[in-house]
């Protein structure tokens, strides 16, 4: 796991198969882009899913390139080439990113009802594997982002992960 203040030259943002326009809008704000640039970001790739918002292709921040796409059959290459992954709190996105050993900032969609994603993000944070925030606190979180105390996610043990997920969502 990389610890801060290492530069995050490449940042990948994913919303999975969902619509999370609030995150895409927030990450595209000039002040948030400036925070990413301060962290060393030179390339920002956004996977925008089913969202209605398309980010501007010109970031208005010199030296910061922005690309986006809706879906790909496989985003593992984007995750693996990123220095930082900013993601919704979907279980698949979290597991794949943490399994790849990447620094991860989860942004919770606090507009969702019965939001099990919040519980998942909180538990993974409590276990020391990631940092999380909401869209409204994203800029401030980026300002103080520190991965120096992050615990590597253990190798995939699907049975244990299923038990963990059941516990988080209240099935056991």
Protein backbone atom coordinates (compact mmCIF):
# COMPACT_ATOMS: atom_id res chain seq x y z
CA UNK A 1 0.00 0.00 0.00
CA UNK A 2 1.30 3.43 -0.90
CA UNK A 3 1.39 6.01 1.86
CA UNK A 4 1.00 9.76 1.57
CA UNK A 5 2.57 12.16 0.65
CA UNK A 6 3.37 10.06 -2.42
CA UNK A 7 2.06 11.65 -5.59
CA UNK A 8 -1.09 10.18 -7.07
CA UNK A 9 -0.16 10.74 -10.73
CA UNK A 10 -3.08 8.71 -12.04
CA UNK A 11 -6.50 8.75 -10.36
CA UNK A 12 -9.36 6.49 -11.40
CA UNK A 13 -12.93 7.29 -10.37
CA UNK A 14 -15.61 4.62 -10.67
CA UNK A 15 -19.34 4.57 -9.99
CA UNK A 16 -19.73 0.96 -11.07
CA UNK A 17 -22.92 0.17 -12.97
CA UNK A 18 -24.89 2.77 -11.04
CA UNK A 19 -25.75 6.42 -11.55
CA UNK A 20 -23.86 8.68 -9.16
CA UNK A 21 -24.00 12.06 -10.89
CA UNK A 22 -23.37 13.84 -7.59
CA UNK A 23 -19.86 12.31 -7.42
CA UNK A 24 -19.07 13.02 -11.09
CA UNK A 25 -20.26 16.63 -10.67
CA UNK A 26 -18.22 17.11 -7.48
CA UNK A 27 -15.02 15.53 -8.83
CA UNK A 28 -15.30 17.79 -11.92
CA UNK A 29 -15.40 21.00 -9.87
CA UNK A 30 -12.38 23.19 -10.45
CA UNK A 31 -11.49 23.39 -6.74
CA UNK A 32 -11.57 19.57 -6.42
CA UNK A 33 -9.48 19.21 -9.57
CA UNK A 34 -6.97 21.64 -8.04
CA UNK A 35 -6.78 19.45 -4.91
CA UNK A 36 -6.09 16.41 -7.09
CA UNK A 37 -3.40 18.36 -8.94
CA UNK A 38 -1.82 19.31 -5.58
CA UNK A 39 -1.64 15.57 -4.83
CA UNK A 40 0.34 15.11 -8.04
CA UNK A 41 -2.49 14.04 -10.33
CA UNK A 42 -1.67 14.36 -14.02
CA UNK A 43 -4.38 12.04 -15.37
CA UNK A 44 -7.94 11.60 -14.14
CA UNK A 45 -10.04 8.80 -15.61
CA UNK A 46 -13.74 8.68 -14.75
CA UNK A 47 -16.07 5.75 -15.25
CA UNK A 48 -19.47 7.48 -15.20
CA UNK A 49 -21.84 4.51 -15.54
CA UNK A 50 -25.47 5.29 -16.30
CA UNK A 51 -25.15 8.89 -15.18
CA UNK A 52 -26.60 11.83 -17.05
CA UNK A 53 -23.65 14.10 -16.25
CA UNK A 54 -20.67 14.05 -18.60
CA UNK A 55 -17.59 15.75 -17.19
CA UNK A 56 -15.86 18.42 -19.23
CA UNK A 57 -13.01 17.03 -21.29
CA UNK A 58 -11.01 20.18 -20.50
CA UNK A 59 -10.23 20.23 -16.79
CA UNK A 60 -9.31 23.95 -16.79
CA UNK A 61 -6.38 22.89 -14.62
CA UNK A 62 -3.08 23.04 -16.51
CA UNK A 63 -1.27 19.71 -16.59
CA UNK A 64 -4.34 17.65 -15.63
CA UNK A 65 -5.76 15.43 -18.37
CA UNK A 66 -9.32 14.13 -18.02
CA UNK A 67 -10.83 11.12 -19.78
CA UNK A 68 -14.14 9.39 -19.18
CA UNK A 69 -16.18 6.43 -20.31
CA UNK A 70 -19.47 4.83 -19.31
CA UNK A 71 -18.73 1.11 -19.22
CA UNK A 72 -16.05 -1.41 -20.16
CA UNK A 73 -16.22 -5.17 -19.93
CA UNK A 74 -13.32 -5.04 -17.46
CA UNK A 75 -11.96 -2.09 -15.45
CA UNK A 76 -9.14 -4.02 -13.77
CA UNK A 77 -6.59 -2.33 -16.05
CA UNK A 78 -7.82 1.11 -14.97
CA UNK A 79 -7.66 0.08 -11.32
CA UNK A 80 -4.20 -1.44 -11.67
CA UNK A 81 -2.73 1.57 -13.46
CA UNK A 82 -4.14 4.06 -10.94
CA UNK A 83 -2.22 5.35 -7.95
CA UNK A 84 -5.51 6.25 -6.25
CA UNK A 85 -9.00 4.89 -6.82
CA UNK A 86 -11.98 7.02 -5.83
CA UNK A 87 -15.11 4.89 -5.84
CA UNK A 88 -18.68 4.51 -4.79
CA UNK A 89 -19.06 1.98 -1.98
CA UNK A 90 -20.21 -0.94 -4.09
CA UNK A 91 -18.94 -4.26 -2.74
CA UNK A 92 -17.51 -5.31 -6.12
CA UNK A 93 -15.61 -2.06 -6.62
CA UNK A 94 -14.25 -2.13 -3.07
CA UNK A 95 -13.17 -5.77 -3.25
CA UNK A 96 -11.48 -5.42 -6.64
CA UNK A 97 -9.64 -2.22 -5.70
CA UNK A 98 -8.49 -3.40 -2.28
CA UNK A 99 -7.57 -6.79 -3.73
CA UNK A 100 -5.30 -4.97 -6.19
CA UNK A 101 -3.54 -3.29 -3.26
CA UNK A 102 -4.56 0.22 -4.30
CA UNK A 103 -5.11 3.28 -2.14
CA UNK A 104 -8.85 3.78 -2.02
CA UNK A 105 -11.10 6.69 -1.17
CA UNK A 106 -14.75 5.67 -1.04
CA UNK A 107 -17.37 8.37 -1.58
CA UNK A 108 -20.68 7.38 -0.07
CA UNK A 109 -23.86 8.17 -1.93
CA UNK A 110 -25.82 9.57 1.01
CA UNK A 111 -28.91 10.00 -1.20
CA UNK A 112 -29.55 6.24 -1.21
CA UNK A 113 -32.20 4.83 1.12
CA UNK A 114 -31.31 1.81 3.31
CA UNK A 115 -27.72 2.43 2.36
CA UNK A 116 -25.72 -0.73 3.00
CA UNK A 117 -22.84 0.92 1.14
CA UNK A 118 -22.34 3.25 4.11
CA UNK A 119 -22.08 0.28 6.44
CA UNK A 120 -19.58 -1.46 4.14
CA UNK A 121 -17.41 1.66 3.79
CA UNK A 122 -17.48 2.29 7.54
CA UNK A 123 -16.49 -1.30 8.34
CA UNK A 124 -13.62 -1.30 5.81
CA UNK A 125 -12.49 2.04 7.26
CA UNK A 126 -12.74 0.71 10.80
CA UNK A 127 -10.65 -2.29 9.75
CA UNK A 128 -8.03 0.14 8.43
CA UNK A 129 -8.31 -0.63 4.70
CA UNK A 130 -9.54 2.65 3.21
CA UNK A 131 -10.68 6.21 3.76
CA UNK A 132 -14.21 7.38 3.07
CA UNK A 133 -16.24 10.56 2.84
CA UNK A 134 -19.36 12.01 1.25
CA UNK A 135 -19.56 14.25 -1.80
CA UNK A 136 -19.94 17.29 0.45
CA UNK A 137 -16.69 16.50 2.29
CA UNK A 138 -14.66 15.30 -0.73
CA UNK A 139 -12.60 18.46 -1.15
CA UNK A 140 -11.64 18.59 2.54
CA UNK A 141 -10.88 14.87 2.57
CA UNK A 142 -8.54 15.26 -0.40
CA UNK A 143 -6.75 18.09 1.43
CA UNK A 144 -5.93 15.85 4.39
CA UNK A 145 -5.69 12.50 2.59
CA UNK A 146 -3.21 10.21 4.32
CA UNK A 147 -2.76 6.51 3.62
CA UNK A 148 0.25 6.00 5.90
CA UNK A 149 -1.73 3.88 8.39
CA UNK A 150 -3.69 1.81 5.88
CA UNK A 151 -3.69 -1.95 6.42
CA UNK A 152 -3.32 -4.11 3.30
CA UNK A 153 -6.49 -5.98 2.48
CA UNK A 154 -6.02 -9.73 3.07
CA UNK A 155 -5.91 -12.02 0.04
CA UNK A 156 -9.33 -12.99 -1.26
CA UNK A 157 -11.08 -15.59 0.79
CA UNK A 158 -14.52 -15.57 -0.76
CA UNK A 159 -16.22 -17.45 2.06
CA UNK A 160 -14.91 -15.01 4.65
CA UNK A 161 -15.86 -12.04 2.49
CA UNK A 162 -19.39 -13.42 2.08
CA UNK A 163 -19.64 -13.81 5.87
CA UNK A 164 -18.32 -10.25 6.32
CA UNK A 165 -20.84 -8.89 3.82
CA UNK A 166 -23.68 -10.79 5.49
CA UNK A 167 -22.66 -9.30 8.85
CA UNK A 168 -22.48 -5.77 7.43
CA UNK A 169 -25.91 -5.91 5.76
CA UNK A 170 -27.50 -7.69 8.72
CA UNK A 171 -28.13 -11.16 7.34
CA UNK A 172 -26.33 -12.92 10.18
